[in-house]
Amino acid sequence: MTTTEMPTAVRTRQTATGKKPPRRGREGAAWVFLSPWVLGAAVLTLLPMAVSLYLSFTDYDLFNPPQWVGLRNYTQMFTEDPRYWRSVVATLTYVVIAVPLQLGLALVVALALKSMRRGRGFYRSAFYAPSLLGASMSIALVWRAVFNDGGTVDNLLGTGGWVNQPGWALLAIALLTVWQFGAPMVIFLAGLQQIPGELYEAAAVDGASRWRQFLSITVPMLSPVIFFNLVLQTIQAFQVFTPAFAISAGKGGPADSTLFYTLYLYDRGFVASHMGYASAMAWILLLVIGAVTAVLFRTSRSWVFYASEGDR
């Protein structure tokens, strides 16, 4: 064997003896890395959901063993509880008002920041800050003081305390949500920066106005981001709790105008100790959110444009 053949022979022998790790071993390693998440999901999510589903068919007051009652909680909810339906109406009204206003304001500010050349980072951080603070109880209490009798809004507009008027209390909570537009704004801004500038240049050459460019270029190209924000903010709006609890002192007043679904669920479960009834309400909320999300995904086929798929 020559000296030039030796490295080739050695490499051939090493290649022949070298083996890839068995597939079972690779899968085992993957499960080891996934085990913290799997364990957390099973113990902290799936098991509580299973217990909640069981409790929804029982009469349980947190102190005595649960008593099986079948569908009584659900029938009582739909046929015998007028406050339940008032909570449904209040929640749906809030979602319809707050989500479009929040997304509209977020998009307007994102468009303004996109065209800004100096100070974009500062203003982006400043507008995002309310999203970090707005969900806290302290901010909700400050908001209540602003819209209360003798508060800032009352002094400026002379309309009285909004939080004490059934026709205005829900709007005050919706405005608090609109004020927290920072998170969708950042997402909109990231989407706007991905739109090729050549499209706007070509439209300008063709004589398209700014409004026409917005309708024909910005909205279609940004539609996946709009859809993402719409789904995310709608789900969050159905679960709103802290502002309604703080502004109404946990009562949902005045006249149940701010009795949101989650607030009434809390009242039934932890104030009245009807945990079985509250569990049934939680599962109805889960099904409603799932149904609304499915409808949004279904209807998105007619207005969401994905550039990789071409025109629809």
Foldseek 3Di string as FASTA:
>chain_A
DDPVCVVVVVVVVCVVPDDDPDPVVVVVVVCVVCVVVVVCCVPVPVVVLVVLVQLLQWFFQPPDDTHGNGCVLVCCLVPPDPLNVLQVVLLVVLLVLQQVLLLVVLLVVLVVLLPDDPPSVVVLVVQQVLLVVLLDLVNLLVLLQQQAAVHVCCVVPVPHRQLADLVRNSVSVSVSSSSNSSVLSVLLNVQVVPFDPVLVVVCVVVVDDPVRCCVPGVCQSCVVSVLVSSLVVSLVSLQRDSNQCNNVVLPCDDVVSRSHLNSVLCCCCPVVSRSSSSSNSVVVSVVVSVVVSVVSVVVVVVRHHDVVVPDD
